PDB file of all heavy atoms in Angstrom:
ATOM      1  N   PHE A   1       9.128  -9.101  -2.308  1.00  0.00           N
ATOM      2  CA  PHE A   1       8.967  -8.293  -1.103  1.00  0.00           C
ATOM      3  C   PHE A   1       7.609  -8.551  -0.453  1.00  0.00           C
ATOM      4  O   PHE A   1       6.623  -8.825  -1.130  1.00  0.00           O
ATOM      5  CB  PHE A   1       9.122  -6.804  -1.436  1.00  0.00           C
ATOM      6  CG  PHE A   1      10.559  -6.356  -1.560  1.00  0.00           C
ATOM      7  CD1 PHE A   1      11.292  -6.636  -2.703  1.00  0.00           C
ATOM      8  CD2 PHE A   1      11.166  -5.664  -0.528  1.00  0.00           C
ATOM      9  CE1 PHE A   1      12.612  -6.229  -2.822  1.00  0.00           C
ATOM     10  CE2 PHE A   1      12.487  -5.244  -0.632  1.00  0.00           C
ATOM     11  CZ  PHE A   1      13.220  -5.526  -1.779  1.00  0.00           C
ATOM     12  N   ASP A   2       7.579  -8.418   0.864  1.00  0.00           N
ATOM     13  CA  ASP A   2       6.353  -8.689   1.621  1.00  0.00           C
ATOM     14  C   ASP A   2       5.327  -7.577   1.492  1.00  0.00           C
ATOM     15  O   ASP A   2       4.140  -7.793   1.769  1.00  0.00           O
ATOM     16  CB  ASP A   2       6.678  -8.869   3.110  1.00  0.00           C
ATOM     17  CG  ASP A   2       7.541 -10.089   3.361  1.00  0.00           C
ATOM     18  OD1 ASP A   2       7.366 -11.096   2.656  1.00  0.00           O
ATOM     19  OD2 ASP A   2       8.401 -10.034   4.265  1.00  0.00           O
ATOM     20  N   GLY A   3       5.781  -6.377   1.130  1.00  0.00           N
ATOM     21  CA  GLY A   3       4.851  -5.266   1.032  1.00  0.00           C
ATOM     22  C   GLY A   3       5.587  -3.960   0.843  1.00  0.00           C
ATOM     23  O   GLY A   3       6.770  -3.937   0.499  1.00  0.00           O
ATOM     24  N   ALA A   4       4.896  -2.844   1.088  1.00  0.00           N
ATOM     25  CA  ALA A   4       5.465  -1.519   0.869  1.00  0.00           C
ATOM     26  C   ALA A   4       5.029  -0.588   1.993  1.00  0.00           C
ATOM     27  O   ALA A   4       4.003  -0.805   2.647  1.00  0.00           O
ATOM     28  CB  ALA A   4       5.016  -0.967  -0.484  1.00  0.00           C
ATOM     29  N   ARG A   5       5.829   0.477   2.183  1.00  0.00           N
ATOM     30  CA  ARG A   5       5.541   1.454   3.233  1.00  0.00           C
ATOM     31  C   ARG A   5       5.254   2.817   2.629  1.00  0.00           C
ATOM     32  O   ARG A   5       5.992   3.288   1.760  1.00  0.00           O
ATOM     33  CB  ARG A   5       6.708   1.556   4.224  1.00  0.00           C
ATOM     34  CG  ARG A   5       6.495   2.617   5.310  1.00  0.00           C
ATOM     35  CD  ARG A   5       7.422   2.401   6.494  1.00  0.00           C
ATOM     36  NE  ARG A   5       8.794   2.760   6.256  1.00  0.00           N
ATOM     37  CZ  ARG A   5       9.326   3.968   6.492  1.00  0.00           C
ATOM     38  NH1 ARG A   5       8.553   4.958   6.929  1.00  0.00           N
ATOM     39  NH2 ARG A   5      10.596   4.186   6.288  1.00  0.00           N
ATOM     40  N   HIS A   6       4.185   3.447   3.119  1.00  0.00           N
ATOM     41  CA  HIS A   6       3.797   4.791   2.698  1.00  0.00           C
ATOM     42  C   HIS A   6       4.371   5.814   3.669  1.00  0.00           C
ATOM     43  O   HIS A   6       4.254   5.663   4.882  1.00  0.00           O
ATOM     44  CB  HIS A   6       2.270   4.911   2.681  1.00  0.00           C
ATOM     45  CG  HIS A   6       1.793   6.316   2.489  1.00  0.00           C
ATOM     46  ND1 HIS A   6       1.541   7.172   3.539  1.00  0.00           N
ATOM     47  CD2 HIS A   6       1.534   7.023   1.355  1.00  0.00           C
ATOM     48  CE1 HIS A   6       1.143   8.343   3.068  1.00  0.00           C
ATOM     49  NE2 HIS A   6       1.121   8.282   1.758  1.00  0.00           N
ATOM     50  N   ASP A   7       4.979   6.903   3.131  1.00  0.00           N
ATOM     51  CA  ASP A   7       5.525   7.926   4.011  1.00  0.00           C
ATOM     52  C   ASP A   7       5.344   9.343   3.478  1.00  0.00           C
ATOM     53  O   ASP A   7       5.914  10.285   4.017  1.00  0.00           O
ATOM     54  CB  ASP A   7       7.006   7.662   4.306  1.00  0.00           C
ATOM     55  CG  ASP A   7       7.474   8.369   5.572  1.00  0.00           C
ATOM     56  OD1 ASP A   7       6.787   8.236   6.601  1.00  0.00           O
ATOM     57  OD2 ASP A   7       8.505   9.057   5.529  1.00  0.00           O
ATOM     58  N   SER A   8       4.596   9.515   2.387  1.00  0.00           N
ATOM     59  CA  SER A   8       4.286  10.867   1.908  1.00  0.00           C
ATOM     60  C   SER A   8       3.165  10.793   0.875  1.00  0.00           C
ATOM     61  O   SER A   8       2.925   9.753   0.278  1.00  0.00           O
ATOM     62  CB  SER A   8       5.526  11.536   1.293  1.00  0.00           C
ATOM     63  OG  SER A   8       5.963  10.846   0.150  1.00  0.00           O
ATOM     64  N   GLY A   9       2.507  11.936   0.656  1.00  0.00           N
ATOM     65  CA  GLY A   9       1.396  11.979  -0.284  1.00  0.00           C
ATOM     66  C   GLY A   9       0.105  11.466   0.330  1.00  0.00           C
ATOM     67  O   GLY A   9       0.037  11.115   1.515  1.00  0.00           O
ATOM     68  N   ASP A  10      -0.936  11.418  -0.472  1.00  0.00           N
ATOM     69  CA  ASP A  10      -2.257  10.973  -0.030  1.00  0.00           C
ATOM     70  C   ASP A  10      -2.238   9.475   0.265  1.00  0.00           C
ATOM     71  O   ASP A  10      -2.079   8.667  -0.652  1.00  0.00           O
ATOM     72  CB  ASP A  10      -3.290  11.280  -1.122  1.00  0.00           C
ATOM     73  CG  ASP A  10      -4.715  10.920  -0.721  1.00  0.00           C
ATOM     74  OD1 ASP A  10      -4.908  10.106   0.198  1.00  0.00           O
ATOM     75  OD2 ASP A  10      -5.641  11.453  -1.354  1.00  0.00           O
ATOM     76  N   PRO A  11      -2.407   9.064   1.533  1.00  0.00           N
ATOM     77  CA  PRO A  11      -2.308   7.636   1.855  1.00  0.00           C
ATOM     78  C   PRO A  11      -3.439   6.802   1.263  1.00  0.00           C
ATOM     79  O   PRO A  11      -3.238   5.618   0.949  1.00  0.00           O
ATOM     80  CB  PRO A  11      -2.347   7.617   3.388  1.00  0.00           C
ATOM     81  CG  PRO A  11      -3.074   8.862   3.763  1.00  0.00           C
ATOM     82  CD  PRO A  11      -2.692   9.874   2.727  1.00  0.00           C
ATOM     83  N   PHE A  12      -4.617   7.395   1.108  1.00  0.00           N
ATOM     84  CA  PHE A  12      -5.747   6.646   0.559  1.00  0.00           C
ATOM     85  C   PHE A  12      -5.521   6.354  -0.925  1.00  0.00           C
ATOM     86  O   PHE A  12      -5.725   5.219  -1.388  1.00  0.00           O
ATOM     87  CB  PHE A  12      -7.045   7.435   0.771  1.00  0.00           C
ATOM     88  CG  PHE A  12      -7.386   7.648   2.212  1.00  0.00           C
ATOM     89  CD1 PHE A  12      -6.993   8.812   2.868  1.00  0.00           C
ATOM     90  CD2 PHE A  12      -8.085   6.685   2.924  1.00  0.00           C
ATOM     91  CE1 PHE A  12      -7.296   9.017   4.205  1.00  0.00           C
ATOM     92  CE2 PHE A  12      -8.396   6.883   4.266  1.00  0.00           C
ATOM     93  CZ  PHE A  12      -7.996   8.049   4.910  1.00  0.00           C
ATOM     94  N   ALA A  13      -5.081   7.360  -1.670  1.00  0.00           N
ATOM     95  CA  ALA A  13      -4.767   7.156  -3.088  1.00  0.00           C
ATOM     96  C   ALA A  13      -3.611   6.187  -3.246  1.00  0.00           C
ATOM     97  O   ALA A  13      -3.620   5.319  -4.134  1.00  0.00           O
ATOM     98  CB  ALA A  13      -4.441   8.496  -3.752  1.00  0.00           C
ATOM     99  N   TRP A  14      -2.600   6.304  -2.366  1.00  0.00           N
ATOM    100  CA  TRP A  14      -1.443   5.402  -2.422  1.00  0.00           C
ATOM    101  C   TRP A  14      -1.868   3.949  -2.235  1.00  0.00           C
ATOM    102  O   TRP A  14      -1.464   3.069  -2.999  1.00  0.00           O
ATOM    103  CB  TRP A  14      -0.441   5.798  -1.335  1.00  0.00           C
ATOM    104  CG  TRP A  14       0.761   4.909  -1.235  1.00  0.00           C
ATOM    105  CD1 TRP A  14       1.930   5.021  -1.930  1.00  0.00           C
ATOM    106  CD2 TRP A  14       0.924   3.761  -0.368  1.00  0.00           C
ATOM    107  NE1 TRP A  14       2.810   4.027  -1.554  1.00  0.00           N
ATOM    108  CE2 TRP A  14       2.211   3.241  -0.604  1.00  0.00           C
ATOM    109  CE3 TRP A  14       0.114   3.136   0.560  1.00  0.00           C
ATOM    110  CZ2 TRP A  14       2.698   2.126   0.068  1.00  0.00           C
ATOM    111  CZ3 TRP A  14       0.585   2.021   1.231  1.00  0.00           C
ATOM    112  CH2 TRP A  14       1.865   1.523   0.989  1.00  0.00           C
ATOM    113  N   GLY A  15      -2.695   3.701  -1.226  1.00  0.00           N
ATOM    114  CA  GLY A  15      -3.137   2.332  -0.969  1.00  0.00           C
ATOM    115  C   GLY A  15      -3.880   1.743  -2.147  1.00  0.00           C
ATOM    116  O   GLY A  15      -3.672   0.569  -2.509  1.00  0.00           O
ATOM    117  N   GLU A  16      -4.752   2.530  -2.761  1.00  0.00           N
ATOM    118  CA  GLU A  16      -5.489   2.040  -3.928  1.00  0.00           C
ATOM    119  C   GLU A  16      -4.540   1.731  -5.084  1.00  0.00           C
ATOM    120  O   GLU A  16      -4.708   0.726  -5.789  1.00  0.00           O
ATOM    121  CB  GLU A  16      -6.533   3.069  -4.363  1.00  0.00           C
ATOM    122  CG  GLU A  16      -7.630   3.341  -3.337  1.00  0.00           C
ATOM    123  CD  GLU A  16      -8.517   2.135  -3.064  1.00  0.00           C
ATOM    124  OE1 GLU A  16      -8.464   1.149  -3.834  1.00  0.00           O
ATOM    125  OE2 GLU A  16      -9.283   2.176  -2.068  1.00  0.00           O
ATOM    126  N   GLN A  17      -3.532   2.582  -5.270  1.00  0.00           N
ATOM    127  CA  GLN A  17      -2.574   2.357  -6.351  1.00  0.00           C
ATOM    128  C   GLN A  17      -1.745   1.094  -6.113  1.00  0.00           C
ATOM    129  O   GLN A  17      -1.487   0.329  -7.050  1.00  0.00           O
ATOM    130  CB  GLN A  17      -1.652   3.567  -6.498  1.00  0.00           C
ATOM    131  CG  GLN A  17      -2.308   4.783  -7.115  1.00  0.00           C
ATOM    132  CD  GLN A  17      -1.372   5.977  -7.141  1.00  0.00           C
ATOM    133  OE1 GLN A  17      -1.083   6.590  -6.122  1.00  0.00           O
ATOM    134  NE2 GLN A  17      -0.869   6.302  -8.315  1.00  0.00           N
ATOM    135  N   ILE A  18      -1.326   0.883  -4.877  1.00  0.00           N
ATOM    136  CA  ILE A  18      -0.514  -0.297  -4.569  1.00  0.00           C
ATOM    137  C   ILE A  18      -1.336  -1.573  -4.766  1.00  0.00           C
ATOM    138  O   ILE A  18      -0.865  -2.560  -5.367  1.00  0.00           O
ATOM    139  CB  ILE A  18       0.040  -0.216  -3.140  1.00  0.00           C
ATOM    140  CG1 ILE A  18       1.016   0.950  -2.988  1.00  0.00           C
ATOM    141  CG2 ILE A  18       0.726  -1.531  -2.760  1.00  0.00           C
ATOM    142  CD1 ILE A  18       2.304   0.810  -3.762  1.00  0.00           C
ATOM    143  N   ILE A  19      -2.563  -1.581  -4.276  1.00  0.00           N
ATOM    144  CA  ILE A  19      -3.418  -2.768  -4.444  1.00  0.00           C
ATOM    145  C   ILE A  19      -3.655  -3.052  -5.925  1.00  0.00           C
ATOM    146  O   ILE A  19      -3.568  -4.205  -6.382  1.00  0.00           O
ATOM    147  CB  ILE A  19      -4.741  -2.574  -3.677  1.00  0.00           C
ATOM    148  CG1 ILE A  19      -4.491  -2.674  -2.170  1.00  0.00           C
ATOM    149  CG2 ILE A  19      -5.782  -3.599  -4.112  1.00  0.00           C
ATOM    150  CD1 ILE A  19      -5.702  -2.361  -1.311  1.00  0.00           C
ATOM    151  N   ALA A  20      -3.961  -2.009  -6.698  1.00  0.00           N
ATOM    152  CA  ALA A  20      -4.172  -2.193  -8.141  1.00  0.00           C
ATOM    153  C   ALA A  20      -2.910  -2.707  -8.810  1.00  0.00           C
ATOM    154  O   ALA A  20      -2.976  -3.551  -9.722  1.00  0.00           O
ATOM    155  CB  ALA A  20      -4.609  -0.872  -8.769  1.00  0.00           C
ATOM    156  N   HIS A  21      -1.757  -2.227  -8.349  1.00  0.00           N
ATOM    157  CA  HIS A  21      -0.479  -2.657  -8.933  1.00  0.00           C
ATOM    158  C   HIS A  21      -0.222  -4.140  -8.656  1.00  0.00           C
ATOM    159  O   HIS A  21       0.231  -4.875  -9.540  1.00  0.00           O
ATOM    160  CB  HIS A  21       0.653  -1.802  -8.357  1.00  0.00           C
ATOM    161  CG  HIS A  21       1.994  -2.069  -8.958  1.00  0.00           C
ATOM    162  ND1 HIS A  21       2.318  -1.722 -10.254  1.00  0.00           N
ATOM    163  CD2 HIS A  21       3.111  -2.660  -8.435  1.00  0.00           C
ATOM    164  CE1 HIS A  21       3.576  -2.068 -10.504  1.00  0.00           C
ATOM    165  NE2 HIS A  21       4.074  -2.649  -9.420  1.00  0.00           N
ATOM    166  N   TYR A  22      -0.524  -4.585  -7.449  1.00  0.00           N
ATOM    167  CA  TYR A  22      -0.370  -6.006  -7.134  1.00  0.00           C
ATOM    168  C   TYR A  22      -1.277  -6.856  -8.036  1.00  0.00           C
ATOM    169  O   TYR A  22      -0.844  -7.882  -8.587  1.00  0.00           O
ATOM    170  CB  TYR A  22      -0.691  -6.271  -5.665  1.00  0.00           C
ATOM    171  CG  TYR A  22       0.456  -6.003  -4.721  1.00  0.00           C
ATOM    172  CD1 TYR A  22       0.289  -5.190  -3.597  1.00  0.00           C
ATOM    173  CD2 TYR A  22       1.706  -6.571  -4.937  1.00  0.00           C
ATOM    174  CE1 TYR A  22       1.345  -4.951  -2.727  1.00  0.00           C
ATOM    175  CE2 TYR A  22       2.757  -6.340  -4.071  1.00  0.00           C
ATOM    176  CZ  TYR A  22       2.578  -5.526  -2.975  1.00  0.00           C
ATOM    177  OH  TYR A  22       3.625  -5.285  -2.115  1.00  0.00           O
ATOM    178  N   LYS A  23      -2.504  -6.435  -8.177  1.00  0.00           N
ATOM    179  CA  LYS A  23      -3.431  -7.197  -9.023  1.00  0.00           C
ATOM    180  C   LYS A  23      -2.951  -7.236 -10.467  1.00  0.00           C
ATOM    181  O   LYS A  23      -3.050  -8.272 -11.147  1.00  0.00           O
ATOM    182  CB  LYS A  23      -4.828  -6.596  -8.933  1.00  0.00           C
ATOM    183  CG  LYS A  23      -5.496  -6.790  -7.575  1.00  0.00           C
ATOM    184  CD  LYS A  23      -6.870  -6.135  -7.536  1.00  0.00           C
ATOM    185  CE  LYS A  23      -7.561  -6.367  -6.204  1.00  0.00           C
ATOM    186  NZ  LYS A  23      -8.876  -5.672  -6.129  1.00  0.00           N
ATOM    187  N   LEU A  24      -2.437  -6.114 -10.957  1.00  0.00           N
ATOM    188  CA  LEU A  24      -1.917  -6.047 -12.321  1.00  0.00           C
ATOM    189  C   LEU A  24      -0.771  -7.020 -12.526  1.00  0.00           C
ATOM    190  O   LEU A  24      -0.592  -7.579 -13.624  1.00  0.00           O
ATOM    191  CB  LEU A  24      -1.454  -4.617 -12.621  1.00  0.00           C
ATOM    192  CG  LEU A  24      -0.964  -4.326 -14.043  1.00  0.00           C
ATOM    193  CD1 LEU A  24      -2.110  -4.471 -15.051  1.00  0.00           C
ATOM    194  CD2 LEU A  24      -0.366  -2.926 -14.118  1.00  0.00           C
ATOM    195  N   ASN A  25      -0.004  -7.255 -11.470  1.00  0.00           N
ATOM    196  CA  ASN A  25       1.136  -8.165 -11.552  1.00  0.00           C
ATOM    197  C   ASN A  25       0.809  -9.564 -11.029  1.00  0.00           C
ATOM    198  O   ASN A  25       1.715 -10.321 -10.658  1.00  0.00           O
ATOM    199  CB  ASN A  25       2.321  -7.572 -10.776  1.00  0.00           C
ATOM    200  CG  ASN A  25       2.988  -6.437 -11.527  1.00  0.00           C
ATOM    201  OD1 ASN A  25       3.832  -6.662 -12.390  1.00  0.00           O
ATOM    202  ND2 ASN A  25       2.606  -5.207 -11.204  1.00  0.00           N
ATOM    203  N   ARG A  26      -0.474  -9.869 -10.991  1.00  0.00           N
ATOM    204  CA  ARG A  26      -0.963 -11.213 -10.642  1.00  0.00           C
ATOM    205  C   ARG A  26      -0.506 -11.656  -9.253  1.00  0.00           C
ATOM    206  O   ARG A  26      -0.116 -12.812  -9.029  1.00  0.00           O
ATOM    207  CB  ARG A  26      -0.523 -12.225 -11.703  1.00  0.00           C
ATOM    208  CG  ARG A  26      -1.204 -11.989 -13.054  1.00  0.00           C
ATOM    209  CD  ARG A  26      -0.822 -13.041 -14.061  1.00  0.00           C
ATOM    210  NE  ARG A  26       0.563 -12.919 -14.474  1.00  0.00           N
ATOM    211  CZ  ARG A  26       1.231 -13.848 -15.147  1.00  0.00           C
ATOM    212  NH1 ARG A  26       0.628 -14.979 -15.478  1.00  0.00           N
ATOM    213  NH2 ARG A  26       2.482 -13.663 -15.497  1.00  0.00           N
ATOM    214  N   VAL A  27      -0.535 -10.701  -8.327  1.00  0.00           N
ATOM    215  CA  VAL A  27      -0.199 -10.971  -6.927  1.00  0.00           C
ATOM    216  C   VAL A  27      -1.430 -10.649  -6.085  1.00  0.00           C
ATOM    217  O   VAL A  27      -2.035  -9.592  -6.238  1.00  0.00           O
ATOM    218  CB  VAL A  27       0.998 -10.112  -6.470  1.00  0.00           C
ATOM    219  CG1 VAL A  27       1.222 -10.260  -4.969  1.00  0.00           C
ATOM    220  CG2 VAL A  27       2.264 -10.510  -7.235  1.00  0.00           C
ATOM    221  N   ASP A  28      -1.804 -11.550  -5.202  1.00  0.00           N
ATOM    222  CA  ASP A  28      -2.968 -11.350  -4.347  1.00  0.00           C
ATOM    223  C   ASP A  28      -2.618 -10.354  -3.244  1.00  0.00           C
ATOM    224  O   ASP A  28      -1.762 -10.647  -2.393  1.00  0.00           O
ATOM    225  CB  ASP A  28      -3.390 -12.689  -3.728  1.00  0.00           C
ATOM    226  CG  ASP A  28      -4.692 -12.578  -2.931  1.00  0.00           C
ATOM    227  OD1 ASP A  28      -5.172 -11.447  -2.725  1.00  0.00           O
ATOM    228  OD2 ASP A  28      -5.204 -13.639  -2.506  1.00  0.00           O
ATOM    229  N   PRO A  29      -3.267  -9.189  -3.203  1.00  0.00           N
ATOM    230  CA  PRO A  29      -2.958  -8.202  -2.155  1.00  0.00           C
ATOM    231  C   PRO A  29      -3.184  -8.723  -0.742  1.00  0.00           C
ATOM    232  O   PRO A  29      -2.585  -8.200   0.207  1.00  0.00           O
ATOM    233  CB  PRO A  29      -3.917  -7.045  -2.466  1.00  0.00           C
ATOM    234  CG  PRO A  29      -4.301  -7.218  -3.891  1.00  0.00           C
ATOM    235  CD  PRO A  29      -4.286  -8.698  -4.149  1.00  0.00           C
ATOM    236  N   LEU A  30      -4.035  -9.732  -0.596  1.00  0.00           N
ATOM    237  CA  LEU A  30      -4.273 -10.283   0.736  1.00  0.00           C
ATOM    238  C   LEU A  30      -3.019 -10.917   1.330  1.00  0.00           C
ATOM    239  O   LEU A  30      -2.932 -11.114   2.547  1.00  0.00           O
ATOM    240  CB  LEU A  30      -5.401 -11.320   0.685  1.00  0.00           C
ATOM    241  CG  LEU A  30      -6.813 -10.750   0.498  1.00  0.00           C
ATOM    242  CD1 LEU A  30      -7.806 -11.876   0.271  1.00  0.00           C
ATOM    243  CD2 LEU A  30      -7.226  -9.901   1.703  1.00  0.00           C
ATOM    244  N   ASN A  31      -2.056 -11.224   0.474  1.00  0.00           N
ATOM    245  CA  ASN A  31      -0.793 -11.807   0.943  1.00  0.00           C
ATOM    246  C   ASN A  31       0.285 -10.754   1.164  1.00  0.00           C
ATOM    247  O   ASN A  31       1.430 -11.106   1.475  1.00  0.00           O
ATOM    248  CB  ASN A  31      -0.289 -12.845  -0.066  1.00  0.00           C
ATOM    249  CG  ASN A  31      -1.223 -14.035  -0.181  1.00  0.00           C
ATOM    250  OD1 ASN A  31      -1.827 -14.457   0.809  1.00  0.00           O
ATOM    251  ND2 ASN A  31      -1.366 -14.585  -1.388  1.00  0.00           N
ATOM    252  N   LYS A  32      -0.059  -9.483   0.987  1.00  0.00           N
ATOM    253  CA  LYS A  32       0.934  -8.415   1.079  1.00  0.00           C
ATOM    254  C   LYS A  32       0.556  -7.424   2.180  1.00  0.00           C
ATOM    255  O   LYS A  32      -0.613  -7.249   2.513  1.00  0.00           O
ATOM    256  CB  LYS A  32       1.062  -7.686  -0.258  1.00  0.00           C
ATOM    257  CG  LYS A  32       1.546  -8.590  -1.395  1.00  0.00           C
ATOM    258  CD  LYS A  32       2.949  -9.132  -1.114  1.00  0.00           C
ATOM    259  CE  LYS A  32       3.428 -10.092  -2.189  1.00  0.00           C
ATOM    260  NZ  LYS A  32       4.795 -10.603  -1.924  1.00  0.00           N
ATOM    261  N   VAL A  33       1.580  -6.747   2.710  1.00  0.00           N
ATOM    262  CA  VAL A  33       1.401  -5.798   3.811  1.00  0.00           C
ATOM    263  C   VAL A  33       1.544  -4.366   3.296  1.00  0.00           C
ATOM    264  O   VAL A  33       2.515  -4.045   2.605  1.00  0.00           O
ATOM    265  CB  VAL A  33       2.447  -6.030   4.921  1.00  0.00           C
ATOM    266  CG1 VAL A  33       2.176  -5.090   6.101  1.00  0.00           C
ATOM    267  CG2 VAL A  33       2.454  -7.473   5.374  1.00  0.00           C
ATOM    268  N   LEU A  34       0.588  -3.534   3.637  1.00  0.00           N
ATOM    269  CA  LEU A  34       0.691  -2.101   3.394  1.00  0.00           C
ATOM    270  C   LEU A  34       0.915  -1.429   4.747  1.00  0.00           C
ATOM    271  O   LEU A  34       0.098  -1.577   5.663  1.00  0.00           O
ATOM    272  CB  LEU A  34      -0.575  -1.549   2.738  1.00  0.00           C
ATOM    273  CG  LEU A  34      -0.646  -1.587   1.198  1.00  0.00           C
ATOM    274  CD1 LEU A  34      -0.536  -3.004   0.674  1.00  0.00           C
ATOM    275  CD2 LEU A  34      -1.928  -0.921   0.720  1.00  0.00           C
ATOM    276  N   ILE A  35       2.042  -0.718   4.862  1.00  0.00           N
ATOM    277  CA  ILE A  35       2.374  -0.023   6.103  1.00  0.00           C
ATOM    278  C   ILE A  35       2.210   1.477   5.888  1.00  0.00           C
ATOM    279  O   ILE A  35       2.759   2.041   4.940  1.00  0.00           O
ATOM    280  CB  ILE A  35       3.816  -0.340   6.554  1.00  0.00           C
ATOM    281  CG1 ILE A  35       3.962  -1.838   6.846  1.00  0.00           C
ATOM    282  CG2 ILE A  35       4.187   0.480   7.785  1.00  0.00           C
ATOM    283  CD1 ILE A  35       5.354  -2.251   7.285  1.00  0.00           C
ATOM    284  N   PHE A  36       1.467   2.105   6.768  1.00  0.00           N
ATOM    285  CA  PHE A  36       1.262   3.553   6.716  1.00  0.00           C
ATOM    286  C   PHE A  36       2.021   4.189   7.874  1.00  0.00           C
ATOM    287  O   PHE A  36       1.878   3.754   9.023  1.00  0.00           O
ATOM    288  CB  PHE A  36      -0.231   3.876   6.805  1.00  0.00           C
ATOM    289  CG  PHE A  36      -1.034   3.372   5.644  1.00  0.00           C
ATOM    290  CD1 PHE A  36      -1.561   2.089   5.649  1.00  0.00           C
ATOM    291  CD2 PHE A  36      -1.244   4.162   4.524  1.00  0.00           C
ATOM    292  CE1 PHE A  36      -2.308   1.608   4.574  1.00  0.00           C
ATOM    293  CE2 PHE A  36      -1.986   3.696   3.440  1.00  0.00           C
ATOM    294  CZ  PHE A  36      -2.512   2.416   3.464  1.00  0.00           C
ATOM    295  N   SER A  37       2.805   5.242   7.576  1.00  0.00           N
ATOM    296  CA  SER A  37       3.653   5.804   8.635  1.00  0.00           C
ATOM    297  C   SER A  37       3.850   7.314   8.512  1.00  0.00           C
ATOM    298  O   SER A  37       4.765   7.861   9.109  1.00  0.00           O
ATOM    299  CB  SER A  37       5.026   5.120   8.617  1.00  0.00           C
ATOM    300  OG  SER A  37       5.708   5.363   7.391  1.00  0.00           O
ATOM    301  N   ASP A  38       3.009   7.990   7.735  1.00  0.00           N
ATOM    302  CA  ASP A  38       3.226   9.412   7.477  1.00  0.00           C
ATOM    303  C   ASP A  38       2.329  10.290   8.348  1.00  0.00           C
ATOM    304  O   ASP A  38       1.143  10.464   8.060  1.00  0.00           O
ATOM    305  CB  ASP A  38       2.953   9.721   5.996  1.00  0.00           C
ATOM    306  CG  ASP A  38       3.137  11.194   5.671  1.00  0.00           C
ATOM    307  OD1 ASP A  38       3.962  11.841   6.328  1.00  0.00           O
ATOM    308  OD2 ASP A  38       2.463  11.691   4.756  1.00  0.00           O
ATOM    309  N   GLY A  39       2.898  10.833   9.436  1.00  0.00           N
ATOM    310  CA  GLY A  39       2.175  11.786  10.267  1.00  0.00           C
ATOM    311  C   GLY A  39       0.843  11.288  10.777  1.00  0.00           C
ATOM    312  O   GLY A  39      -0.116  12.057  10.859  1.00  0.00           O
ATOM    313  N   LEU A  40       0.774  10.020  11.132  1.00  0.00           N
ATOM    314  CA  LEU A  40      -0.518   9.442  11.507  1.00  0.00           C
ATOM    315  C   LEU A  40      -1.007   9.919  12.869  1.00  0.00           C
ATOM    316  O   LEU A  40      -0.228  10.113  13.799  1.00  0.00           O
ATOM    317  CB  LEU A  40      -0.431   7.912  11.530  1.00  0.00           C
ATOM    318  CG  LEU A  40      -0.284   7.188  10.194  1.00  0.00           C
ATOM    319  CD1 LEU A  40      -0.310   5.686  10.429  1.00  0.00           C
ATOM    320  CD2 LEU A  40      -1.363   7.599   9.219  1.00  0.00           C
ATOM    321  N   THR A  41      -2.318  10.081  12.965  1.00  0.00           N
ATOM    322  CA  THR A  41      -3.027  10.184  14.234  1.00  0.00           C
ATOM    323  C   THR A  41      -3.900   8.938  14.344  1.00  0.00           C
ATOM    324  O   THR A  41      -4.096   8.213  13.361  1.00  0.00           O
ATOM    325  CB  THR A  41      -3.915  11.430  14.266  1.00  0.00           C
ATOM    326  OG1 THR A  41      -4.905  11.311  13.224  1.00  0.00           O
ATOM    327  CG2 THR A  41      -3.096  12.698  14.052  1.00  0.00           C
ATOM    328  N   VAL A  42      -4.451   8.694  15.522  1.00  0.00           N
ATOM    329  CA  VAL A  42      -5.311   7.517  15.669  1.00  0.00           C
ATOM    330  C   VAL A  42      -6.573   7.633  14.814  1.00  0.00           C
ATOM    331  O   VAL A  42      -6.953   6.674  14.135  1.00  0.00           O
ATOM    332  CB  VAL A  42      -5.635   7.259  17.154  1.00  0.00           C
ATOM    333  CG1 VAL A  42      -6.733   6.204  17.297  1.00  0.00           C
ATOM    334  CG2 VAL A  42      -4.371   6.792  17.886  1.00  0.00           C
TER     335      VAL A  42
END
């Protein structure tokens, strides 16, 4: 998969967990997309 989408919970904690998970699985996070979509403001 190209990446993952966040839609609930703390987005900052989620992003850190996803990046750490990619590294744990020997995947470079720079090649993956994190999409945030939960009640965003600018």
